[in-house]
Amino acid sequence: MSKQCFGTASVPLSPAVRAGDYVFVSGQVPVGPDGKIVSGGVGAQTHAVMANVKATLELAGCTLEDVVKTTVWLRDRDDFAEFNAAYAEHFPVDPPARSTAESRLMIDIAVEIEAMAYKPV
């Protein structure tokens, strides 16, 4: 099986990699179009992360509807309800499988999300 990488990053990773019928999206963080971390709490940051997940999926010819699994890291488990409400807006029907953990994150953000999509070539 061959792999195809999509996008570029300022760190040593590919934003998305297609391996066969699967597309793996690296962890996305709440950075807005201006390159700055989005303020406004975990809800606003979740919406920004999901916009970045969506844009990265599009590089590989996928949409949020193709997502079959996400992994979420929250800085604080007390943010779960607000995160969950914002996240649910992006998957109103048949949401993907998901794992969520509380974790110290690499930069000062409230949430990071990675995704796996399935879209046959």
PDB file of N, CA and C in Angstrom:
ATOM      1  N   MET A   1       0.852  -1.157   0.000  1.00  0.00           N
ATOM      2  CA  MET A   1       0.000   0.000   0.000  1.00  0.00           C
ATOM      3  C   MET A   1       0.905   1.229   0.000  1.00  0.00           C
ATOM      4  N   SER A   2       0.577   2.195  -0.827  1.00  0.00           N
ATOM      5  CA  SER A   2       1.341   3.431  -0.859  1.00  0.00           C
ATOM      6  C   SER A   2       0.655   4.474   0.019  1.00  0.00           C
ATOM      7  N   LYS A   3       1.413   5.500   0.336  1.00  0.00           N
ATOM      8  CA  LYS A   3       0.824   6.594   1.101  1.00  0.00           C
ATOM      9  C   LYS A   3       1.040   7.894   0.350  1.00  0.00           C
ATOM     10  N   GLN A   4       0.124   8.838   0.580  1.00  0.00           N
ATOM     11  CA  GLN A   4       0.204  10.150  -0.035  1.00  0.00           C
ATOM     12  C   GLN A   4       0.006  11.183   1.064  1.00  0.00           C
ATOM     13  N   CYS A   5       0.915  12.156   1.116  1.00  0.00           N
ATOM     14  CA  CYS A   5       0.845  13.197   2.134  1.00  0.00           C
ATOM     15  C   CYS A   5       0.215  14.453   1.556  1.00  0.00           C
ATOM     16  N   PHE A   6      -0.533  15.177   2.391  1.00  0.00           N
ATOM     17  CA  PHE A   6      -1.227  16.395   1.973  1.00  0.00           C
ATOM     18  C   PHE A   6      -0.872  17.533   2.913  1.00  0.00           C
ATOM     19  N   GLY A   7      -0.621  18.702   2.353  1.00  0.00           N
ATOM     20  CA  GLY A   7      -0.368  19.891   3.141  1.00  0.00           C
ATOM     21  C   GLY A   7       1.057  19.970   3.649  1.00  0.00           C
ATOM     22  N   THR A   8       1.373  21.108   4.222  1.00  0.00           N
ATOM     23  CA  THR A   8       2.680  21.334   4.824  1.00  0.00           C
ATOM     24  C   THR A   8       2.476  21.911   6.212  1.00  0.00           C
ATOM     25  N   ALA A   9       3.479  21.740   7.035  1.00  0.00           N
ATOM     26  CA  ALA A   9       3.419  22.251   8.402  1.00  0.00           C
ATOM     27  C   ALA A   9       4.781  22.810   8.772  1.00  0.00           C
ATOM     28  N   SER A  10       4.807  23.658   9.780  1.00  0.00           N
ATOM     29  CA  SER A  10       6.066  24.229  10.238  1.00  0.00           C
ATOM     30  C   SER A  10       6.793  23.306  11.212  1.00  0.00           C
ATOM     31  N   VAL A  11       6.218  22.149  11.466  1.00  0.00           N
ATOM     32  CA  VAL A  11       6.824  21.130  12.327  1.00  0.00           C
ATOM     33  C   VAL A  11       6.919  19.840  11.516  1.00  0.00           C
ATOM     34  N   PRO A  12       7.714  18.861  11.965  1.00  0.00           N
ATOM     35  CA  PRO A  12       7.914  17.652  11.164  1.00  0.00           C
ATOM     36  C   PRO A  12       6.730  16.677  11.211  1.00  0.00           C
ATOM     37  N   LEU A  13       5.674  17.034  10.478  1.00  0.00           N
ATOM     38  CA  LEU A  13       4.522  16.150  10.338  1.00  0.00           C
ATOM     39  C   LEU A  13       3.786  16.527   9.070  1.00  0.00           C
ATOM     40  N   SER A  14       2.959  15.628   8.598  1.00  0.00           N
ATOM     41  CA  SER A  14       2.071  15.919   7.475  1.00  0.00           C
ATOM     42  C   SER A  14       0.687  16.189   8.055  1.00  0.00           C
ATOM     43  N   PRO A  15       0.028  17.266   7.652  1.00  0.00           N
ATOM     44  CA  PRO A  15      -1.311  17.532   8.166  1.00  0.00           C
ATOM     45  C   PRO A  15      -2.283  16.385   7.895  1.00  0.00           C
ATOM     46  N   ALA A  16      -2.151  15.724   6.729  1.00  0.00           N
ATOM     47  CA  ALA A  16      -2.998  14.573   6.406  1.00  0.00           C
ATOM     48  C   ALA A  16      -2.197  13.586   5.582  1.00  0.00           C
ATOM     49  N   VAL A  17      -2.479  12.321   5.806  1.00  0.00           N
ATOM     50  CA  VAL A  17      -1.846  11.245   5.050  1.00  0.00           C
ATOM     51  C   VAL A  17      -2.927  10.265   4.620  1.00  0.00           C
ATOM     52  N   ARG A  18      -2.949   9.949   3.318  1.00  0.00           N
ATOM     53  CA  ARG A  18      -3.849   8.905   2.820  1.00  0.00           C
ATOM     54  C   ARG A  18      -3.053   7.611   2.740  1.00  0.00           C
ATOM     55  N   ALA A  19      -3.611   6.557   3.302  1.00  0.00           N
ATOM     56  CA  ALA A  19      -3.051   5.214   3.215  1.00  0.00           C
ATOM     57  C   ALA A  19      -4.195   4.313   2.754  1.00  0.00           C
ATOM     58  N   GLY A  20      -4.201   3.992   1.470  1.00  0.00           N
ATOM     59  CA  GLY A  20      -5.309   3.215   0.917  1.00  0.00           C
ATOM     60  C   GLY A  20      -6.594   4.032   0.965  1.00  0.00           C
ATOM     61  N   ASP A  21      -7.608   3.460   1.578  1.00  0.00           N
ATOM     62  CA  ASP A  21      -8.911   4.118   1.658  1.00  0.00           C
ATOM     63  C   ASP A  21      -9.062   4.993   2.904  1.00  0.00           C
ATOM     64  N   TYR A  22      -8.020   5.069   3.719  1.00  0.00           N
ATOM     65  CA  TYR A  22      -8.083   5.837   4.962  1.00  0.00           C
ATOM     66  C   TYR A  22      -7.276   7.115   4.860  1.00  0.00           C
ATOM     67  N   VAL A  23      -7.781   8.166   5.506  1.00  0.00           N
ATOM     68  CA  VAL A  23      -7.064   9.425   5.609  1.00  0.00           C
ATOM     69  C   VAL A  23      -6.892   9.731   7.095  1.00  0.00           C
ATOM     70  N   PHE A  24      -5.653   9.972   7.485  1.00  0.00           N
ATOM     71  CA  PHE A  24      -5.317  10.275   8.864  1.00  0.00           C
ATOM     72  C   PHE A  24      -4.967  11.753   8.967  1.00  0.00           C
ATOM     73  N   VAL A  25      -5.668  12.470   9.829  1.00  0.00           N
ATOM     74  CA  VAL A  25      -5.441  13.893  10.027  1.00  0.00           C
ATOM     75  C   VAL A  25      -4.690  14.076  11.338  1.00  0.00           C
ATOM     76  N   SER A  26      -3.526  14.713  11.253  1.00  0.00           N
ATOM     77  CA  SER A  26      -2.745  14.998  12.458  1.00  0.00           C
ATOM     78  C   SER A  26      -3.552  15.868  13.405  1.00  0.00           C
ATOM     79  N   GLY A  27      -3.170  15.837  14.682  1.00  0.00           N
ATOM     80  CA  GLY A  27      -3.855  16.648  15.678  1.00  0.00           C
ATOM     81  C   GLY A  27      -3.916  18.109  15.256  1.00  0.00           C
ATOM     82  N   GLN A  28      -5.113  18.649  15.268  1.00  0.00           N
ATOM     83  CA  GLN A  28      -5.344  20.038  14.891  1.00  0.00           C
ATOM     84  C   GLN A  28      -5.572  20.861  16.152  1.00  0.00           C
ATOM     85  N   VAL A  29      -5.067  22.079  16.122  1.00  0.00           N
ATOM     86  CA  VAL A  29      -5.161  22.964  17.279  1.00  0.00           C
ATOM     87  C   VAL A  29      -5.962  24.219  16.898  1.00  0.00           C
ATOM     88  N   PRO A  30      -6.402  24.990  17.893  1.00  0.00           N
ATOM     89  CA  PRO A  30      -7.262  26.142  17.626  1.00  0.00           C
ATOM     90  C   PRO A  30      -6.507  27.389  17.168  1.00  0.00           C
ATOM     91  N   VAL A  31      -5.905  27.282  16.000  1.00  0.00           N
ATOM     92  CA  VAL A  31      -5.214  28.421  15.411  1.00  0.00           C
ATOM     93  C   VAL A  31      -6.106  28.960  14.304  1.00  0.00           C
ATOM     94  N   GLY A  32      -6.358  30.259  14.352  1.00  0.00           N
ATOM     95  CA  GLY A  32      -7.212  30.882  13.350  1.00  0.00           C
ATOM     96  C   GLY A  32      -6.448  31.195  12.079  1.00  0.00           C
ATOM     97  N   PRO A  33      -7.143  31.740  11.087  1.00  0.00           N
ATOM     98  CA  PRO A  33      -6.520  32.085   9.806  1.00  0.00           C
ATOM     99  C   PRO A  33      -5.356  33.066   9.947  1.00  0.00           C
ATOM    100  N   ASP A  34      -5.355  33.856  11.044  1.00  0.00           N
ATOM    101  CA  ASP A  34      -4.279  34.819  11.276  1.00  0.00           C
ATOM    102  C   ASP A  34      -3.052  34.179  11.919  1.00  0.00           C
ATOM    103  N   GLY A  35      -3.123  32.848  12.199  1.00  0.00           N
ATOM    104  CA  GLY A  35      -1.998  32.144  12.801  1.00  0.00           C
ATOM    105  C   GLY A  35      -1.921  32.258  14.311  1.00  0.00           C
ATOM    106  N   LYS A  36      -2.919  32.897  14.910  1.00  0.00           N
ATOM    107  CA  LYS A  36      -2.929  33.073  16.370  1.00  0.00           C
ATOM    108  C   LYS A  36      -3.925  32.126  17.015  1.00  0.00           C
ATOM    109  N   ILE A  37      -3.645  31.766  18.252  1.00  0.00           N
ATOM    110  CA  ILE A  37      -4.546  30.900  19.003  1.00  0.00           C
ATOM    111  C   ILE A  37      -5.858  31.640  19.244  1.00  0.00           C
ATOM    112  N   VAL A  38      -6.964  30.962  18.968  1.00  0.00           N
ATOM    113  CA  VAL A  38      -8.299  31.523  19.139  1.00  0.00           C
ATOM    114  C   VAL A  38      -8.601  31.648  20.629  1.00  0.00           C
ATOM    115  N   SER A  39      -9.121  32.790  21.016  1.00  0.00           N
ATOM    116  CA  SER A  39      -9.504  32.999  22.412  1.00  0.00           C
ATOM    117  C   SER A  39     -10.989  32.687  22.571  1.00  0.00           C
ATOM    118  N   GLY A  40     -11.470  32.724  23.809  1.00  0.00           N
ATOM    119  CA  GLY A  40     -12.896  32.562  24.026  1.00  0.00           C
ATOM    120  C   GLY A  40     -13.293  31.263  24.683  1.00  0.00           C
ATOM    121  N   GLY A  41     -12.349  30.498  25.181  1.00  0.00           N
ATOM    122  CA  GLY A  41     -12.692  29.279  25.889  1.00  0.00           C
ATOM    123  C   GLY A  41     -12.752  28.050  25.003  1.00  0.00           C
ATOM    124  N   VAL A  42     -13.065  26.927  25.635  1.00  0.00           N
ATOM    125  CA  VAL A  42     -13.015  25.642  24.936  1.00  0.00           C
ATOM    126  C   VAL A  42     -14.055  25.537  23.827  1.00  0.00           C
ATOM    127  N   GLY A  43     -15.211  26.169  23.967  1.00  0.00           N
ATOM    128  CA  GLY A  43     -16.222  26.110  22.909  1.00  0.00           C
ATOM    129  C   GLY A  43     -15.726  26.771  21.637  1.00  0.00           C
ATOM    130  N   ALA A  44     -15.226  27.993  21.760  1.00  0.00           N
ATOM    131  CA  ALA A  44     -14.685  28.713  20.605  1.00  0.00           C
ATOM    132  C   ALA A  44     -13.483  27.978  20.028  1.00  0.00           C
ATOM    133  N   GLN A  45     -12.644  27.441  20.894  1.00  0.00           N
ATOM    134  CA  GLN A  45     -11.471  26.714  20.415  1.00  0.00           C
ATOM    135  C   GLN A  45     -11.866  25.420  19.709  1.00  0.00           C
ATOM    136  N   THR A  46     -12.909  24.755  20.181  1.00  0.00           N
ATOM    137  CA  THR A  46     -13.381  23.538  19.518  1.00  0.00           C
ATOM    138  C   THR A  46     -13.872  23.854  18.112  1.00  0.00           C
ATOM    139  N   HIS A  47     -14.622  24.930  17.956  1.00  0.00           N
ATOM    140  CA  HIS A  47     -15.087  25.313  16.622  1.00  0.00           C
ATOM    141  C   HIS A  47     -13.909  25.619  15.699  1.00  0.00           C
ATOM    142  N   ALA A  48     -12.885  26.282  16.218  1.00  0.00           N
ATOM    143  CA  ALA A  48     -11.700  26.586  15.410  1.00  0.00           C
ATOM    144  C   ALA A  48     -10.961  25.312  15.023  1.00  0.00           C
ATOM    145  N   VAL A  49     -10.817  24.395  15.961  1.00  0.00           N
ATOM    146  CA  VAL A  49     -10.150  23.119  15.666  1.00  0.00           C
ATOM    147  C   VAL A  49     -10.930  22.364  14.593  1.00  0.00           C
ATOM    148  N   MET A  50     -12.245  22.310  14.732  1.00  0.00           N
ATOM    149  CA  MET A  50     -13.045  21.580  13.747  1.00  0.00           C
ATOM    150  C   MET A  50     -12.960  22.231  12.373  1.00  0.00           C
ATOM    151  N   ALA A  51     -12.852  23.547  12.304  1.00  0.00           N
ATOM    152  CA  ALA A  51     -12.647  24.217  11.014  1.00  0.00           C
ATOM    153  C   ALA A  51     -11.318  23.777  10.412  1.00  0.00           C
ATOM    154  N   ASN A  52     -10.297  23.620  11.249  1.00  0.00           N
ATOM    155  CA  ASN A  52      -8.995  23.168  10.764  1.00  0.00           C
ATOM    156  C   ASN A  52      -9.033  21.700  10.354  1.00  0.00           C
ATOM    157  N   VAL A  53      -9.754  20.872  11.091  1.00  0.00           N
ATOM    158  CA  VAL A  53      -9.923  19.464  10.702  1.00  0.00           C
ATOM    159  C   VAL A  53     -10.608  19.398   9.343  1.00  0.00           C
ATOM    160  N   LYS A  54     -11.671  20.162   9.182  1.00  0.00           N
ATOM    161  CA  LYS A  54     -12.421  20.179   7.918  1.00  0.00           C
ATOM    162  C   LYS A  54     -11.525  20.613   6.762  1.00  0.00           C
ATOM    163  N   ALA A  55     -10.769  21.680   6.943  1.00  0.00           N
ATOM    164  CA  ALA A  55      -9.880  22.175   5.882  1.00  0.00           C
ATOM    165  C   ALA A  55      -8.805  21.151   5.537  1.00  0.00           C
ATOM    166  N   THR A  56      -8.284  20.473   6.536  1.00  0.00           N
ATOM    167  CA  THR A  56      -7.254  19.464   6.290  1.00  0.00           C
ATOM    168  C   THR A  56      -7.836  18.257   5.574  1.00  0.00           C
ATOM    169  N   LEU A  57      -9.029  17.843   5.957  1.00  0.00           N
ATOM    170  CA  LEU A  57      -9.700  16.747   5.248  1.00  0.00           C
ATOM    171  C   LEU A  57      -9.907  17.087   3.777  1.00  0.00           C
ATOM    172  N   GLU A  58     -10.278  18.333   3.512  1.00  0.00           N
ATOM    173  CA  GLU A  58     -10.519  18.761   2.131  1.00  0.00           C
ATOM    174  C   GLU A  58      -9.271  18.632   1.267  1.00  0.00           C
ATOM    175  N   LEU A  59      -8.079  18.812   1.856  1.00  0.00           N
ATOM    176  CA  LEU A  59      -6.829  18.627   1.109  1.00  0.00           C
ATOM    177  C   LEU A  59      -6.737  17.220   0.526  1.00  0.00           C
ATOM    178  N   ALA A  60      -7.328  16.259   1.242  1.00  0.00           N
ATOM    179  CA  ALA A  60      -7.278  14.851   0.826  1.00  0.00           C
ATOM    180  C   ALA A  60      -8.568  14.405   0.148  1.00  0.00           C
ATOM    181  N   GLY A  61      -9.450  15.362  -0.184  1.00  0.00           N
ATOM    182  CA  GLY A  61     -10.691  15.029  -0.881  1.00  0.00           C
ATOM    183  C   GLY A  61     -11.770  14.439   0.006  1.00  0.00           C
ATOM    184  N   CYS A  62     -11.721  14.745   1.292  1.00  0.00           N
ATOM    185  CA  CYS A  62     -12.702  14.208   2.244  1.00  0.00           C
ATOM    186  C   CYS A  62     -13.502  15.335   2.891  1.00  0.00           C
ATOM    187  N   THR A  63     -14.576  14.942   3.586  1.00  0.00           N
ATOM    188  CA  THR A  63     -15.393  15.870   4.353  1.00  0.00           C
ATOM    189  C   THR A  63     -15.561  15.310   5.768  1.00  0.00           C
ATOM    190  N   LEU A  64     -16.187  16.087   6.617  1.00  0.00           N
ATOM    191  CA  LEU A  64     -16.463  15.592   7.975  1.00  0.00           C
ATOM    192  C   LEU A  64     -17.348  14.352   7.948  1.00  0.00           C
ATOM    193  N   GLU A  65     -18.174  14.214   6.922  1.00  0.00           N
ATOM    194  CA  GLU A  65     -19.036  13.028   6.812  1.00  0.00           C
ATOM    195  C   GLU A  65     -18.235  11.740   6.614  1.00  0.00           C
ATOM    196  N   ASP A  66     -16.985  11.858   6.169  1.00  0.00           N
ATOM    197  CA  ASP A  66     -16.131  10.694   5.966  1.00  0.00           C
ATOM    198  C   ASP A  66     -15.392  10.271   7.235  1.00  0.00           C
ATOM    199  N   VAL A  67     -15.455  11.084   8.282  1.00  0.00           N
ATOM    200  CA  VAL A  67     -14.720  10.801   9.514  1.00  0.00           C
ATOM    201  C   VAL A  67     -15.351   9.616  10.246  1.00  0.00           C
ATOM    202  N   VAL A  68     -14.520   8.631  10.590  1.00  0.00           N
ATOM    203  CA  VAL A  68     -14.999   7.442  11.298  1.00  0.00           C
ATOM    204  C   VAL A  68     -14.504   7.384  12.745  1.00  0.00           C
ATOM    205  N   LYS A  69     -13.463   8.177  13.069  1.00  0.00           N
ATOM    206  CA  LYS A  69     -12.910   8.140  14.427  1.00  0.00           C
ATOM    207  C   LYS A  69     -12.187   9.445  14.709  1.00  0.00           C
ATOM    208  N   THR A  70     -12.386   9.983  15.903  1.00  0.00           N
ATOM    209  CA  THR A  70     -11.601  11.121  16.361  1.00  0.00           C
ATOM    210  C   THR A  70     -10.989  10.787  17.718  1.00  0.00           C
ATOM    211  N   THR A  71      -9.896  11.449  17.992  1.00  0.00           N
ATOM    212  CA  THR A  71      -9.283  11.400  19.316  1.00  0.00           C
ATOM    213  C   THR A  71      -9.150  12.841  19.777  1.00  0.00           C
ATOM    214  N   VAL A  72      -9.590  13.093  21.000  1.00  0.00           N
ATOM    215  CA  VAL A  72      -9.651  14.446  21.541  1.00  0.00           C
ATOM    216  C   VAL A  72      -8.844  14.509  22.834  1.00  0.00           C
ATOM    217  N   TRP A  73      -8.070  15.577  22.948  1.00  0.00           N
ATOM    218  CA  TRP A  73      -7.368  15.858  24.189  1.00  0.00           C
ATOM    219  C   TRP A  73      -7.879  17.180  24.720  1.00  0.00           C
ATOM    220  N   LEU A  74      -8.348  17.163  25.962  1.00  0.00           N
ATOM    221  CA  LEU A  74      -8.794  18.382  26.646  1.00  0.00           C
ATOM    222  C   LEU A  74      -7.800  18.712  27.748  1.00  0.00           C
ATOM    223  N   ARG A  75      -7.533  19.996  27.896  1.00  0.00           N
ATOM    224  CA  ARG A  75      -6.621  20.436  28.966  1.00  0.00           C
ATOM    225  C   ARG A  75      -7.249  20.187  30.334  1.00  0.00           C
ATOM    226  N   ASP A  76      -8.581  20.317  30.408  1.00  0.00           N
ATOM    227  CA  ASP A  76      -9.274  20.224  31.696  1.00  0.00           C
ATOM    228  C   ASP A  76     -10.568  19.445  31.516  1.00  0.00           C
ATOM    229  N   ARG A  77     -10.722  18.383  32.254  1.00  0.00           N
ATOM    230  CA  ARG A  77     -11.935  17.570  32.101  1.00  0.00           C
ATOM    231  C   ARG A  77     -13.192  18.338  32.466  1.00  0.00           C
ATOM    232  N   ASP A  78     -13.068  19.408  33.236  1.00  0.00           N
ATOM    233  CA  ASP A  78     -14.229  20.234  33.560  1.00  0.00           C
ATOM    234  C   ASP A  78     -14.759  20.970  32.335  1.00  0.00           C
ATOM    235  N   ASP A  79     -13.987  20.995  31.246  1.00  0.00           N
ATOM    236  CA  ASP A  79     -14.421  21.618  29.989  1.00  0.00           C
ATOM    237  C   ASP A  79     -15.243  20.667  29.122  1.00  0.00           C
ATOM    238  N   PHE A  80     -15.420  19.430  29.573  1.00  0.00           N
ATOM    239  CA  PHE A  80     -16.033  18.421  28.708  1.00  0.00           C
ATOM    240  C   PHE A  80     -17.423  18.809  28.203  1.00  0.00           C
ATOM    241  N   ALA A  81     -18.293  19.295  29.055  1.00  0.00           N
ATOM    242  CA  ALA A  81     -19.670  19.621  28.630  1.00  0.00           C
ATOM    243  C   ALA A  81     -19.666  20.708  27.555  1.00  0.00           C
ATOM    244  N   GLU A  82     -18.885  21.762  27.760  1.00  0.00           N
ATOM    245  CA  GLU A  82     -18.823  22.842  26.763  1.00  0.00           C
ATOM    246  C   GLU A  82     -18.192  22.344  25.458  1.00  0.00           C
ATOM    247  N   PHE A  83     -17.122  21.564  25.581  1.00  0.00           N
ATOM    248  CA  PHE A  83     -16.504  20.969  24.396  1.00  0.00           C
ATOM    249  C   PHE A  83     -17.519  20.102  23.646  1.00  0.00           C
ATOM    250  N   ASN A  84     -18.198  19.231  24.368  1.00  0.00           N
ATOM    251  CA  ASN A  84     -19.117  18.274  23.757  1.00  0.00           C
ATOM    252  C   ASN A  84     -20.239  18.977  22.997  1.00  0.00           C
ATOM    253  N   ALA A  85     -20.748  20.065  23.554  1.00  0.00           N
ATOM    254  CA  ALA A  85     -21.817  20.823  22.888  1.00  0.00           C
ATOM    255  C   ALA A  85     -21.302  21.427  21.580  1.00  0.00           C
ATOM    256  N   ALA A  86     -20.103  21.994  21.588  1.00  0.00           N
ATOM    257  CA  ALA A  86     -19.540  22.585  20.369  1.00  0.00           C
ATOM    258  C   ALA A  86     -19.216  21.498  19.344  1.00  0.00           C
ATOM    259  N   TYR A  87     -18.621  20.410  19.789  1.00  0.00           N
ATOM    260  CA  TYR A  87     -18.250  19.295  18.909  1.00  0.00           C
ATOM    261  C   TYR A  87     -19.484  18.711  18.221  1.00  0.00           C
ATOM    262  N   ALA A  88     -20.564  18.563  18.974  1.00  0.00           N
ATOM    263  CA  ALA A  88     -21.795  17.960  18.444  1.00  0.00           C
ATOM    264  C   ALA A  88     -22.359  18.747  17.268  1.00  0.00           C
ATOM    265  N   GLU A  89     -22.138  20.044  17.231  1.00  0.00           N
ATOM    266  CA  GLU A  89     -22.624  20.860  16.115  1.00  0.00           C
ATOM    267  C   GLU A  89     -21.980  20.460  14.790  1.00  0.00           C
ATOM    268  N   HIS A  90     -20.805  19.877  14.844  1.00  0.00           N
ATOM    269  CA  HIS A  90     -20.074  19.502  13.628  1.00  0.00           C
ATOM    270  C   HIS A  90     -20.420  18.091  13.151  1.00  0.00           C
ATOM    271  N   PHE A  91     -21.038  17.315  14.004  1.00  0.00           N
ATOM    272  CA  PHE A  91     -21.451  15.958  13.658  1.00  0.00           C
ATOM    273  C   PHE A  91     -22.900  15.740  14.099  1.00  0.00           C
ATOM    274  N   PRO A  92     -23.863  16.434  13.463  1.00  0.00           N
ATOM    275  CA  PRO A  92     -25.259  16.373  13.911  1.00  0.00           C
ATOM    276  C   PRO A  92     -25.923  15.021  13.667  1.00  0.00           C
ATOM    277  N   VAL A  93     -25.411  14.231  12.720  1.00  0.00           N
ATOM    278  CA  VAL A  93     -25.982  12.922  12.389  1.00  0.00           C
ATOM    279  C   VAL A  93     -24.857  11.906  12.318  1.00  0.00           C
ATOM    280  N   ASP A  94     -25.070  10.736  12.865  1.00  0.00           N
ATOM    281  CA  ASP A  94     -24.094   9.646  12.812  1.00  0.00           C
ATOM    282  C   ASP A  94     -22.675  10.102  13.144  1.00  0.00           C
ATOM    283  N   PRO A  95     -22.444  10.593  14.352  1.00  0.00           N
ATOM    284  CA  PRO A  95     -21.095  11.039  14.708  1.00  0.00           C
ATOM    285  C   PRO A  95     -20.110   9.866  14.693  1.00  0.00           C
ATOM    286  N   PRO A  96     -18.825  10.189  14.491  1.00  0.00           N
ATOM    287  CA  PRO A  96     -17.821   9.119  14.462  1.00  0.00           C
ATOM    288  C   PRO A  96     -17.561   8.569  15.863  1.00  0.00           C
ATOM    289  N   ALA A  97     -16.883   7.438  15.902  1.00  0.00           N
ATOM    290  CA  ALA A  97     -16.381   6.933  17.180  1.00  0.00           C
ATOM    291  C   ALA A  97     -15.413   7.983  17.728  1.00  0.00           C
ATOM    292  N   ARG A  98     -15.276   8.039  19.055  1.00  0.00           N
ATOM    293  CA  ARG A  98     -14.428   9.081  19.636  1.00  0.00           C
ATOM    294  C   ARG A  98     -13.829   8.616  20.948  1.00  0.00           C
ATOM    295  N   SER A  99     -12.592   9.010  21.171  1.00  0.00           N
ATOM    296  CA  SER A  99     -11.949   8.871  22.478  1.00  0.00           C
ATOM    297  C   SER A  99     -11.618  10.270  22.952  1.00  0.00           C
ATOM    298  N   THR A 100     -11.809  10.522  24.243  1.00  0.00           N
ATOM    299  CA  THR A 100     -11.510  11.839  24.809  1.00  0.00           C
ATOM    300  C   THR A 100     -10.721  11.631  26.089  1.00  0.00           C
ATOM    301  N   ALA A 101      -9.633  12.393  26.228  1.00  0.00           N
ATOM    302  CA  ALA A 101      -8.788  12.284  27.414  1.00  0.00           C
ATOM    303  C   ALA A 101      -8.396  13.666  27.903  1.00  0.00           C
ATOM    304  N   GLU A 102      -8.157  13.748  29.199  1.00  0.00           N
ATOM    305  CA  GLU A 102      -7.600  14.970  29.768  1.00  0.00           C
ATOM    306  C   GLU A 102      -6.084  14.837  29.688  1.00  0.00           C
ATOM    307  N   SER A 103      -5.425  15.900  29.220  1.00  0.00           N
ATOM    308  CA  SER A 103      -3.984  15.813  29.023  1.00  0.00           C
ATOM    309  C   SER A 103      -3.366  17.198  29.041  1.00  0.00           C
ATOM    310  N   ARG A 104      -2.143  17.263  29.495  1.00  0.00           N
ATOM    311  CA  ARG A 104      -1.397  18.502  29.341  1.00  0.00           C
ATOM    312  C   ARG A 104      -1.019  18.591  27.872  1.00  0.00           C
ATOM    313  N   LEU A 105      -1.282  19.726  27.233  1.00  0.00           N
ATOM    314  CA  LEU A 105      -1.039  19.881  25.808  1.00  0.00           C
ATOM    315  C   LEU A 105       0.273  20.622  25.564  1.00  0.00           C
ATOM    316  N   MET A 106       0.789  20.517  24.359  1.00  0.00           N
ATOM    317  CA  MET A 106       2.110  21.046  24.027  1.00  0.00           C
ATOM    318  C   MET A 106       2.173  22.574  24.038  1.00  0.00           C
ATOM    319  N   ILE A 107       1.041  23.225  23.750  1.00  0.00           N
ATOM    320  CA  ILE A 107       0.974  24.682  23.811  1.00  0.00           C
ATOM    321  C   ILE A 107      -0.223  25.065  24.672  1.00  0.00           C
ATOM    322  N   ASP A 108      -0.360  26.325  24.992  1.00  0.00           N
ATOM    323  CA  ASP A 108      -1.417  26.773  25.903  1.00  0.00           C
ATOM    324  C   ASP A 108      -2.758  26.866  25.170  1.00  0.00           C
ATOM    325  N   ILE A 109      -3.389  25.702  25.005  1.00  0.00           N
ATOM    326  CA  ILE A 109      -4.690  25.598  24.342  1.00  0.00           C
ATOM    327  C   ILE A 109      -5.588  24.705  25.186  1.00  0.00           C
ATOM    328  N   ALA A 110      -6.879  24.731  24.890  1.00  0.00           N
ATOM    329  CA  ALA A 110      -7.844  23.941  25.661  1.00  0.00           C
ATOM    330  C   ALA A 110      -8.156  22.597  25.014  1.00  0.00           C
ATOM    331  N   VAL A 111      -7.918  22.463  23.688  1.00  0.00           N
ATOM    332  CA  VAL A 111      -8.354  21.251  22.994  1.00  0.00           C
ATOM    333  C   VAL A 111      -7.486  20.987  21.764  1.00  0.00           C
ATOM    334  N   GLU A 112      -7.278  19.715  21.479  1.00  0.00           N
ATOM    335  CA  GLU A 112      -6.625  19.259  20.247  1.00  0.00           C
ATOM    336  C   GLU A 112      -7.407  18.049  19.756  1.00  0.00           C
ATOM    337  N   ILE A 113      -7.595  17.959  18.435  1.00  0.00           N
ATOM    338  CA  ILE A 113      -8.378  16.857  17.870  1.00  0.00           C
ATOM    339  C   ILE A 113      -7.655  16.285  16.655  1.00  0.00           C
ATOM    340  N   GLU A 114      -7.545  14.954  16.597  1.00  0.00           N
ATOM    341  CA  GLU A 114      -7.081  14.278  15.391  1.00  0.00           C
ATOM    342  C   GLU A 114      -8.249  13.456  14.857  1.00  0.00           C
ATOM    343  N   ALA A 115      -8.188  13.134  13.575  1.00  0.00           N
ATOM    344  CA  ALA A 115      -9.308  12.428  12.953  1.00  0.00           C
ATOM    345  C   ALA A 115      -8.809  11.372  11.976  1.00  0.00           C
ATOM    346  N   MET A 116      -9.640  10.359  11.790  1.00  0.00           N
ATOM    347  CA  MET A 116      -9.400   9.335  10.773  1.00  0.00           C
ATOM    348  C   MET A 116     -10.652   9.261   9.922  1.00  0.00           C
ATOM    349  N   ALA A 117     -10.462   9.351   8.607  1.00  0.00           N
ATOM    350  CA  ALA A 117     -11.592   9.289   7.670  1.00  0.00           C
ATOM    351  C   ALA A 117     -11.448   8.060   6.783  1.00  0.00           C
ATOM    352  N   TYR A 118     -12.569   7.593   6.283  1.00  0.00           N
ATOM    353  CA  TYR A 118     -12.609   6.468   5.339  1.00  0.00           C
ATOM    354  C   TYR A 118     -13.290   6.945   4.072  1.00  0.00           C
ATOM    355  N   LYS A 119     -12.533   6.914   2.986  1.00  0.00           N
ATOM    356  CA  LYS A 119     -13.100   7.291   1.682  1.00  0.00           C
ATOM    357  C   LYS A 119     -12.373   6.495   0.612  1.00  0.00           C
ATOM    358  N   PRO A 120     -13.045   5.463   0.070  1.00  0.00           N
ATOM    359  CA  PRO A 120     -12.385   4.639  -0.950  1.00  0.00           C
ATOM    360  C   PRO A 120     -11.936   5.478  -2.146  1.00  0.00           C
ATOM    361  N   VAL A 121     -10.744   5.128  -2.638  1.00  0.00           N
ATOM    362  CA  VAL A 121     -10.217   5.833  -3.818  1.00  0.00           C
ATOM    363  C   VAL A 121     -10.751   5.236  -5.098  1.00  0.00           C
TER     364      VAL A 121
END
